[in-house]
Amino acid sequence: MIQARRSEILSLAQQNGEVSASELSKLLGVSEVTVRSDLKALAEAGQIRRTRGGARLPLEIQREFPLEETSRRHAAAKRRIGRAAAALVRDGETVFLDVGSTTTEVARALPPTLRGVTIITNGLNIALELERLPNVRVIVTGGTLRPLQHSLVSPYALEVLGRIHADRLFLGCNGVSATAGVTNANHEEAEIKRIMVHQAREIVVVADHSKLGQISQAQVAPVSAVDTLITDRHGSEPPADLLKCIADFQLV
């Protein structure tokens, strides 16, 4: 029974990238003391890394999942985040829209009443979502296709983005923490994100609660570069150290 439970914990960590002791306790029907004992054993075996209140996969074995799969995780939260982010866009603005499941929800939430807005994206699926907006100009960066995320990366995407200045960037990520800042699982996409950060006046990170306090492989930006972070309300408060670092922290 113990081994089966630990296998289930590991499976959940592989599916989600991270797990919390409180959620595992409810899912598995055991006490948090038992869960913490299991997490300790798995950490000692090198299969997970402990975090405050739970655990995550070690960076070296974290893997990317297809966009269609990540879109199903925390879907309601991502829709709320998308609506809150879309409400920030004003007529006449130039906007970078990064790839990802949460930024896709930003695209879906943009109202058809917008006028004179230019949106630059390296996400093919996001460009298709924006086709419905009659008075929004959509620029697709070009580049090499990564089918897993429907994203376009170097070399051409970098050249295009380097010539554009945006009022605002909506930035997705695999992790955002006070110590490591904004991080991503894929190095090629992180390179695109970095130039978007450099070329945008305002940086808005859109990330559901599972990304908070997490650290992924590729550095995107220090937390000091983030102007606004939009995330969802969950059972526990966001990490206190992260709250202190970001002036505009929106819970939806």
C-alpha atoms as a PDB file:
ATOM      1  CA  MET A   1       0.000   0.000   0.000  1.00  0.00           C
ATOM      2  CA  ILE A   2       2.819   2.419   0.853  1.00  0.00           C
ATOM      3  CA  GLN A   3       4.578   1.797  -2.453  1.00  0.00           C
ATOM      4  CA  ALA A   4       1.348   2.182  -4.427  1.00  0.00           C
ATOM      5  CA  ARG A   5       0.650   5.485  -2.700  1.00  0.00           C
ATOM      6  CA  ARG A   6       4.145   6.783  -3.400  1.00  0.00           C
ATOM      7  CA  SER A   7       3.856   5.720  -7.030  1.00  0.00           C
ATOM      8  CA  GLU A   8       0.632   7.705  -7.255  1.00  0.00           C
ATOM      9  CA  ILE A   9       2.333  10.760  -5.726  1.00  0.00           C
ATOM     10  CA  LEU A  10       5.161  10.488  -8.243  1.00  0.00           C
ATOM     11  CA  SER A  11       2.675  10.115 -11.101  1.00  0.00           C
ATOM     12  CA  LEU A  12       0.847  13.276  -9.994  1.00  0.00           C
ATOM     13  CA  ALA A  13       4.148  15.160  -9.776  1.00  0.00           C
ATOM     14  CA  GLN A  14       5.026  14.045 -13.308  1.00  0.00           C
ATOM     15  CA  GLN A  15       1.642  15.192 -14.607  1.00  0.00           C
ATOM     16  CA  ASN A  16       1.634  18.578 -12.881  1.00  0.00           C
ATOM     17  CA  GLY A  17       5.302  19.389 -12.300  1.00  0.00           C
ATOM     18  CA  GLU A  18       4.578  19.980  -8.608  1.00  0.00           C
ATOM     19  CA  VAL A  19       2.264  18.751  -5.841  1.00  0.00           C
ATOM     20  CA  SER A  20       1.163  20.098  -2.466  1.00  0.00           C
ATOM     21  CA  ALA A  21       0.913  18.066   0.734  1.00  0.00           C
ATOM     22  CA  SER A  22      -2.577  19.370   1.491  1.00  0.00           C
ATOM     23  CA  GLU A  23      -3.950  18.418  -1.938  1.00  0.00           C
ATOM     24  CA  LEU A  24      -2.288  14.999  -1.805  1.00  0.00           C
ATOM     25  CA  SER A  25      -3.800  14.388   1.611  1.00  0.00           C
ATOM     26  CA  LYS A  26      -7.291  14.985   0.209  1.00  0.00           C
ATOM     27  CA  LEU A  27      -6.726  13.017  -2.987  1.00  0.00           C
ATOM     28  CA  LEU A  28      -5.190   9.989  -1.286  1.00  0.00           C
ATOM     29  CA  GLY A  29      -7.330   9.995   1.855  1.00  0.00           C
ATOM     30  CA  VAL A  30      -4.396  10.022   4.267  1.00  0.00           C
ATOM     31  CA  SER A  31      -3.059  12.548   6.766  1.00  0.00           C
ATOM     32  CA  GLU A  32      -0.606  15.281   5.825  1.00  0.00           C
ATOM     33  CA  VAL A  33       1.868  13.667   8.228  1.00  0.00           C
ATOM     34  CA  THR A  34       1.735  10.504   6.115  1.00  0.00           C
ATOM     35  CA  VAL A  35       2.084  12.508   2.911  1.00  0.00           C
ATOM     36  CA  ARG A  36       5.122  14.357   4.248  1.00  0.00           C
ATOM     37  CA  SER A  37       6.692  11.027   5.172  1.00  0.00           C
ATOM     38  CA  ASP A  38       6.114   9.802   1.619  1.00  0.00           C
ATOM     39  CA  LEU A  39       7.545  12.999   0.160  1.00  0.00           C
ATOM     40  CA  LYS A  40      10.622  12.680   2.347  1.00  0.00           C
ATOM     41  CA  ALA A  41      11.192   9.109   1.149  1.00  0.00           C
ATOM     42  CA  LEU A  42      10.762  10.082  -2.504  1.00  0.00           C
ATOM     43  CA  ALA A  43      13.113  13.043  -2.066  1.00  0.00           C
ATOM     44  CA  GLU A  44      15.761  10.849  -0.459  1.00  0.00           C
ATOM     45  CA  ALA A  45      15.485   8.554  -3.483  1.00  0.00           C
ATOM     46  CA  GLY A  46      16.107  11.537  -5.768  1.00  0.00           C
ATOM     47  CA  GLN A  47      12.716  11.248  -7.459  1.00  0.00           C
ATOM     48  CA  ILE A  48      11.366  14.609  -6.270  1.00  0.00           C
ATOM     49  CA  ARG A  49      12.586  17.814  -4.620  1.00  0.00           C
ATOM     50  CA  ARG A  50      10.860  19.147  -1.516  1.00  0.00           C
ATOM     51  CA  THR A  51       9.284  22.604  -1.626  1.00  0.00           C
ATOM     52  CA  ARG A  52       7.473  24.684   0.962  1.00  0.00           C
ATOM     53  CA  GLY A  53       4.260  22.739   1.483  1.00  0.00           C
ATOM     54  CA  GLY A  54       4.895  20.056  -1.100  1.00  0.00           C
ATOM     55  CA  ALA A  55       7.316  18.853  -3.754  1.00  0.00           C
ATOM     56  CA  ARG A  56       8.256  19.207  -7.416  1.00  0.00           C
ATOM     57  CA  LEU A  57      10.149  17.212  -9.986  1.00  0.00           C
ATOM     58  CA  PRO A  58      13.905  17.829 -10.052  1.00  0.00           C
ATOM     59  CA  LEU A  59      14.847  20.270 -12.801  1.00  0.00           C
ATOM     60  CA  GLU A  60      16.821  17.628 -14.630  1.00  0.00           C
ATOM     61  CA  ILE A  61      13.759  15.422 -15.160  1.00  0.00           C
ATOM     62  CA  GLN A  62      11.121  18.087 -15.704  1.00  0.00           C
ATOM     63  CA  ARG A  63       9.540  17.694 -19.100  1.00  0.00           C
ATOM     64  CA  GLU A  64       7.314  19.713 -21.341  1.00  0.00           C
ATOM     65  CA  PHE A  65       3.787  18.633 -22.129  1.00  0.00           C
ATOM     66  CA  PRO A  66       1.772  19.405 -25.267  1.00  0.00           C
ATOM     67  CA  LEU A  67      -0.231  22.618 -25.216  1.00  0.00           C
ATOM     68  CA  GLU A  68      -3.459  20.653 -25.539  1.00  0.00           C
ATOM     69  CA  GLU A  69      -2.632  18.791 -22.328  1.00  0.00           C
ATOM     70  CA  THR A  70      -1.526  21.797 -20.271  1.00  0.00           C
ATOM     71  CA  SER A  71      -4.654  23.668 -21.375  1.00  0.00           C
ATOM     72  CA  ARG A  72      -6.761  21.168 -19.435  1.00  0.00           C
ATOM     73  CA  ARG A  73      -4.903  21.762 -16.162  1.00  0.00           C
ATOM     74  CA  HIS A  74      -6.393  24.469 -13.941  1.00  0.00           C
ATOM     75  CA  ALA A  75      -8.535  25.446 -16.936  1.00  0.00           C
ATOM     76  CA  ALA A  76     -11.060  27.550 -14.998  1.00  0.00           C
ATOM     77  CA  ALA A  77      -8.257  29.457 -13.258  1.00  0.00           C
ATOM     78  CA  LYS A  78      -6.558  30.160 -16.575  1.00  0.00           C
ATOM     79  CA  ARG A  79      -9.796  31.524 -18.016  1.00  0.00           C
ATOM     80  CA  ARG A  80     -10.154  33.923 -15.067  1.00  0.00           C
ATOM     81  CA  ILE A  81      -6.558  35.044 -15.450  1.00  0.00           C
ATOM     82  CA  GLY A  82      -7.077  35.506 -19.186  1.00  0.00           C
ATOM     83  CA  ARG A  83     -10.112  37.729 -18.649  1.00  0.00           C
ATOM     84  CA  ALA A  84      -8.294  39.890 -16.096  1.00  0.00           C
ATOM     85  CA  ALA A  85      -5.298  40.296 -18.389  1.00  0.00           C
ATOM     86  CA  ALA A  86      -7.386  41.066 -21.472  1.00  0.00           C
ATOM     87  CA  ALA A  87      -9.116  43.875 -19.569  1.00  0.00           C
ATOM     88  CA  LEU A  88      -5.779  45.727 -19.409  1.00  0.00           C
ATOM     89  CA  VAL A  89      -5.531  46.168 -23.190  1.00  0.00           C
ATOM     90  CA  ARG A  90      -6.500  49.614 -24.476  1.00  0.00           C
ATOM     91  CA  ASP A  91      -7.306  50.891 -27.963  1.00  0.00           C
ATOM     92  CA  GLY A  92      -4.235  51.850 -29.953  1.00  0.00           C
ATOM     93  CA  GLU A  93      -1.755  49.723 -27.996  1.00  0.00           C
ATOM     94  CA  THR A  94       0.968  47.466 -29.315  1.00  0.00           C
ATOM     95  CA  VAL A  95       1.041  44.176 -27.418  1.00  0.00           C
ATOM     96  CA  PHE A  96       3.331  41.159 -27.285  1.00  0.00           C
ATOM     97  CA  LEU A  97       1.410  37.947 -26.608  1.00  0.00           C
ATOM     98  CA  ASP A  98       3.667  35.072 -25.592  1.00  0.00           C
ATOM     99  CA  VAL A  99       2.932  31.385 -26.244  1.00  0.00           C
ATOM    100  CA  GLY A 100       1.241  29.091 -23.728  1.00  0.00           C
ATOM    101  CA  SER A 101      -2.076  27.872 -22.385  1.00  0.00           C
ATOM    102  CA  THR A 102      -2.717  30.898 -20.150  1.00  0.00           C
ATOM    103  CA  THR A 103      -1.771  33.442 -22.814  1.00  0.00           C
ATOM    104  CA  THR A 104      -4.141  31.600 -25.155  1.00  0.00           C
ATOM    105  CA  GLU A 105      -6.912  32.455 -22.685  1.00  0.00           C
ATOM    106  CA  VAL A 106      -5.837  36.100 -22.848  1.00  0.00           C
ATOM    107  CA  ALA A 107      -6.313  35.991 -26.634  1.00  0.00           C
ATOM    108  CA  ARG A 108      -9.731  34.363 -26.259  1.00  0.00           C
ATOM    109  CA  ALA A 109     -10.879  37.002 -23.773  1.00  0.00           C
ATOM    110  CA  LEU A 110      -9.997  40.064 -25.861  1.00  0.00           C
ATOM    111  CA  PRO A 111     -13.214  41.892 -26.825  1.00  0.00           C
ATOM    112  CA  PRO A 112     -14.167  42.502 -30.475  1.00  0.00           C
ATOM    113  CA  THR A 113     -14.672  46.184 -29.641  1.00  0.00           C
ATOM    114  CA  LEU A 114     -10.907  46.822 -29.511  1.00  0.00           C
ATOM    115  CA  ARG A 115      -9.664  49.249 -32.153  1.00  0.00           C
ATOM    116  CA  GLY A 116      -6.230  50.112 -33.452  1.00  0.00           C
ATOM    117  CA  VAL A 117      -4.493  47.389 -31.452  1.00  0.00           C
ATOM    118  CA  THR A 118      -1.491  45.550 -32.884  1.00  0.00           C
ATOM    119  CA  ILE A 119      -0.656  42.162 -31.387  1.00  0.00           C
ATOM    120  CA  ILE A 120       2.633  40.421 -32.070  1.00  0.00           C
ATOM    121  CA  THR A 121       2.835  36.732 -31.212  1.00  0.00           C
ATOM    122  CA  ASN A 122       5.049  33.737 -31.848  1.00  0.00           C
ATOM    123  CA  GLY A 123       2.149  31.363 -31.159  1.00  0.00           C
ATOM    124  CA  LEU A 124       0.383  29.958 -34.215  1.00  0.00           C
ATOM    125  CA  ASN A 125      -2.662  28.902 -32.203  1.00  0.00           C
ATOM    126  CA  ILE A 126      -2.860  32.369 -30.651  1.00  0.00           C
ATOM    127  CA  ALA A 127      -2.783  34.023 -34.081  1.00  0.00           C
ATOM    128  CA  LEU A 128      -5.748  31.869 -35.113  1.00  0.00           C
ATOM    129  CA  GLU A 129      -7.636  32.844 -31.944  1.00  0.00           C
ATOM    130  CA  LEU A 130      -7.134  36.514 -32.848  1.00  0.00           C
ATOM    131  CA  GLU A 131      -8.612  36.188 -36.351  1.00  0.00           C
ATOM    132  CA  ARG A 132     -12.074  36.916 -34.952  1.00  0.00           C
ATOM    133  CA  LEU A 133     -11.114  40.479 -33.922  1.00  0.00           C
ATOM    134  CA  PRO A 134     -12.046  42.761 -36.849  1.00  0.00           C
ATOM    135  CA  ASN A 135     -10.021  45.827 -35.856  1.00  0.00           C
ATOM    136  CA  VAL A 136      -6.888  44.184 -34.448  1.00  0.00           C
ATOM    137  CA  ARG A 137      -3.775  43.796 -36.568  1.00  0.00           C
ATOM    138  CA  VAL A 138      -1.965  40.511 -35.902  1.00  0.00           C
ATOM    139  CA  ILE A 139       1.738  40.051 -36.640  1.00  0.00           C
ATOM    140  CA  VAL A 140       3.198  36.536 -36.493  1.00  0.00           C
ATOM    141  CA  THR A 141       6.935  36.502 -35.911  1.00  0.00           C
ATOM    142  CA  GLY A 142       7.902  33.679 -38.234  1.00  0.00           C
ATOM    143  CA  GLY A 143      10.653  31.290 -37.244  1.00  0.00           C
ATOM    144  CA  THR A 144      11.154  27.588 -36.641  1.00  0.00           C
ATOM    145  CA  LEU A 145       8.058  25.688 -35.525  1.00  0.00           C
ATOM    146  CA  ARG A 146       7.976  23.817 -32.217  1.00  0.00           C
ATOM    147  CA  PRO A 147       4.894  21.579 -32.654  1.00  0.00           C
ATOM    148  CA  LEU A 148       4.620  20.777 -28.933  1.00  0.00           C
ATOM    149  CA  GLN A 149       3.570  24.356 -28.136  1.00  0.00           C
ATOM    150  CA  HIS A 150       2.669  25.568 -31.662  1.00  0.00           C
ATOM    151  CA  SER A 151       5.386  28.164 -31.101  1.00  0.00           C
ATOM    152  CA  LEU A 152       7.847  29.852 -33.440  1.00  0.00           C
ATOM    153  CA  VAL A 153      11.433  30.297 -32.261  1.00  0.00           C
ATOM    154  CA  SER A 154      14.809  31.421 -33.614  1.00  0.00           C
ATOM    155  CA  PRO A 155      16.307  32.513 -35.862  1.00  0.00           C
ATOM    156  CA  TYR A 156      13.683  34.673 -37.572  1.00  0.00           C
ATOM    157  CA  ALA A 157      11.459  35.303 -34.551  1.00  0.00           C
ATOM    158  CA  LEU A 158      14.346  37.040 -32.795  1.00  0.00           C
ATOM    159  CA  GLU A 159      14.981  39.303 -35.783  1.00  0.00           C
ATOM    160  CA  VAL A 160      11.353  40.408 -36.001  1.00  0.00           C
ATOM    161  CA  LEU A 161      10.950  41.030 -32.271  1.00  0.00           C
ATOM    162  CA  GLY A 162      14.180  43.008 -32.114  1.00  0.00           C
ATOM    163  CA  ARG A 163      12.625  45.604 -34.434  1.00  0.00           C
ATOM    164  CA  ILE A 164       9.392  46.127 -32.491  1.00  0.00           C
ATOM    165  CA  HIS A 165       8.661  48.025 -29.280  1.00  0.00           C
ATOM    166  CA  ALA A 166       5.487  47.109 -27.385  1.00  0.00           C
ATOM    167  CA  ASP A 167       3.437  48.877 -24.750  1.00  0.00           C
ATOM    168  CA  ARG A 168       2.791  45.646 -22.896  1.00  0.00           C
ATOM    169  CA  LEU A 169       3.862  42.007 -22.810  1.00  0.00           C
ATOM    170  CA  PHE A 170       1.677  39.199 -21.538  1.00  0.00           C
ATOM    171  CA  LEU A 171       4.231  36.619 -20.462  1.00  0.00           C
ATOM    172  CA  GLY A 172       3.626  32.962 -19.678  1.00  0.00           C
ATOM    173  CA  CYS A 173       6.069  30.764 -17.784  1.00  0.00           C
ATOM    174  CA  ASN A 174       6.701  27.433 -16.088  1.00  0.00           C
ATOM    175  CA  GLY A 175       7.807  29.056 -12.858  1.00  0.00           C
ATOM    176  CA  VAL A 176       8.067  32.395 -11.080  1.00  0.00           C
ATOM    177  CA  SER A 177       9.881  32.789  -7.775  1.00  0.00           C
ATOM    178  CA  ALA A 178      11.470  35.532  -5.705  1.00  0.00           C
ATOM    179  CA  THR A 179      14.914  33.979  -6.061  1.00  0.00           C
ATOM    180  CA  ALA A 180      15.026  32.792  -9.687  1.00  0.00           C
ATOM    181  CA  GLY A 181      12.501  35.173 -11.232  1.00  0.00           C
ATOM    182  CA  VAL A 182      10.580  34.039 -14.301  1.00  0.00           C
ATOM    183  CA  THR A 183      11.743  30.708 -15.720  1.00  0.00           C
ATOM    184  CA  ASN A 184      10.732  28.378 -18.532  1.00  0.00           C
ATOM    185  CA  ALA A 185      11.144  24.696 -19.400  1.00  0.00           C
ATOM    186  CA  ASN A 186      12.425  25.232 -22.950  1.00  0.00           C
ATOM    187  CA  HIS A 187      15.572  27.189 -23.743  1.00  0.00           C
ATOM    188  CA  GLU A 188      14.551  28.194 -27.281  1.00  0.00           C
ATOM    189  CA  GLU A 189      11.269  29.654 -26.087  1.00  0.00           C
ATOM    190  CA  ALA A 190      13.023  31.339 -23.161  1.00  0.00           C
ATOM    191  CA  GLU A 191      15.233  33.152 -25.674  1.00  0.00           C
ATOM    192  CA  ILE A 192      12.136  34.565 -27.379  1.00  0.00           C
ATOM    193  CA  LYS A 193      10.605  35.537 -24.045  1.00  0.00           C
ATOM    194  CA  ARG A 194      13.788  37.383 -23.041  1.00  0.00           C
ATOM    195  CA  ILE A 195      13.751  39.624 -26.101  1.00  0.00           C
ATOM    196  CA  MET A 196      10.033  40.310 -25.601  1.00  0.00           C
ATOM    197  CA  VAL A 197      10.826  41.427 -22.044  1.00  0.00           C
ATOM    198  CA  HIS A 198      13.592  43.683 -23.351  1.00  0.00           C
ATOM    199  CA  GLN A 199      11.368  45.280 -26.000  1.00  0.00           C
ATOM    200  CA  ALA A 200       8.237  45.837 -23.877  1.00  0.00           C
ATOM    201  CA  ARG A 201       7.480  48.829 -21.661  1.00  0.00           C
ATOM    202  CA  GLU A 202       5.303  46.868 -19.214  1.00  0.00           C
ATOM    203  CA  ILE A 203       5.640  43.192 -18.244  1.00  0.00           C
ATOM    204  CA  VAL A 204       2.521  41.306 -17.141  1.00  0.00           C
ATOM    205  CA  VAL A 205       3.123  37.721 -16.037  1.00  0.00           C
ATOM    206  CA  VAL A 206       0.071  35.462 -16.298  1.00  0.00           C
ATOM    207  CA  ALA A 207       0.536  32.298 -14.233  1.00  0.00           C
ATOM    208  CA  ASP A 208      -1.808  30.019 -12.318  1.00  0.00           C
ATOM    209  CA  HIS A 209      -1.044  29.132  -8.694  1.00  0.00           C
ATOM    210  CA  SER A 210       0.876  25.966  -9.610  1.00  0.00           C
ATOM    211  CA  LYS A 211       3.675  28.105 -11.129  1.00  0.00           C
ATOM    212  CA  LEU A 212       4.260  30.267  -8.041  1.00  0.00           C
ATOM    213  CA  GLY A 213       7.458  29.513  -6.170  1.00  0.00           C
ATOM    214  CA  GLN A 214       8.541  27.100  -8.893  1.00  0.00           C
ATOM    215  CA  ILE A 215      11.857  27.190 -10.744  1.00  0.00           C
ATOM    216  CA  SER A 216      12.345  25.772 -14.216  1.00  0.00           C
ATOM    217  CA  GLN A 217      15.488  25.322 -16.304  1.00  0.00           C
ATOM    218  CA  ALA A 218      15.789  28.422 -18.470  1.00  0.00           C
ATOM    219  CA  GLN A 219      16.052  31.957 -17.115  1.00  0.00           C
ATOM    220  CA  VAL A 220      13.682  34.500 -18.655  1.00  0.00           C
ATOM    221  CA  ALA A 221      13.752  37.593 -16.421  1.00  0.00           C
ATOM    222  CA  PRO A 222      14.472  38.633 -12.837  1.00  0.00           C
ATOM    223  CA  VAL A 223      11.413  39.187 -10.690  1.00  0.00           C
ATOM    224  CA  SER A 224      12.327  42.883 -10.536  1.00  0.00           C
ATOM    225  CA  ALA A 225      11.423  43.145 -14.239  1.00  0.00           C
ATOM    226  CA  VAL A 226       7.805  42.126 -13.579  1.00  0.00           C
ATOM    227  CA  ASP A 227       5.328  44.998 -13.280  1.00  0.00           C
ATOM    228  CA  THR A 228       2.193  42.913 -12.734  1.00  0.00           C
ATOM    229  CA  LEU A 229       1.527  39.287 -11.862  1.00  0.00           C
ATOM    230  CA  ILE A 230      -1.983  37.924 -12.401  1.00  0.00           C
ATOM    231  CA  THR A 231      -2.732  34.595 -10.747  1.00  0.00           C
ATOM    232  CA  ASP A 232      -5.693  32.713  -9.321  1.00  0.00           C
ATOM    233  CA  ARG A 233      -6.972  32.441  -5.777  1.00  0.00           C
ATOM    234  CA  HIS A 234      -6.221  29.023  -4.336  1.00  0.00           C
ATOM    235  CA  GLY A 235      -6.342  27.369  -0.937  1.00  0.00           C
ATOM    236  CA  SER A 236      -3.070  28.823   0.315  1.00  0.00           C
ATOM    237  CA  GLU A 237      -1.679  32.340   0.066  1.00  0.00           C
ATOM    238  CA  PRO A 238       0.956  33.043  -2.607  1.00  0.00           C
ATOM    239  CA  PRO A 239       4.559  32.831  -1.349  1.00  0.00           C
ATOM    240  CA  ALA A 240       5.196  35.812   0.931  1.00  0.00           C
ATOM    241  CA  ASP A 241       8.618  36.546  -0.567  1.00  0.00           C
ATOM    242  CA  LEU A 242       7.074  36.762  -4.036  1.00  0.00           C
ATOM    243  CA  LEU A 243       4.323  39.086  -2.820  1.00  0.00           C
ATOM    244  CA  LYS A 244       6.976  41.479  -1.505  1.00  0.00           C
ATOM    245  CA  CYS A 245       8.818  41.586  -4.838  1.00  0.00           C
ATOM    246  CA  ILE A 246       5.960  42.525  -7.178  1.00  0.00           C
ATOM    247  CA  ALA A 247       4.116  45.815  -6.753  1.00  0.00           C
ATOM    248  CA  ASP A 248       0.951  44.820  -8.629  1.00  0.00           C
ATOM    249  CA  PHE A 249      -0.063  41.316  -7.557  1.00  0.00           C
ATOM    250  CA  GLN A 250      -3.581  40.480  -8.779  1.00  0.00           C
ATOM    251  CA  LEU A 251      -5.556  37.508  -7.440  1.00  0.00           C
ATOM    252  CA  VAL A 252      -8.598  36.526  -9.501  1.00  0.00           C
END
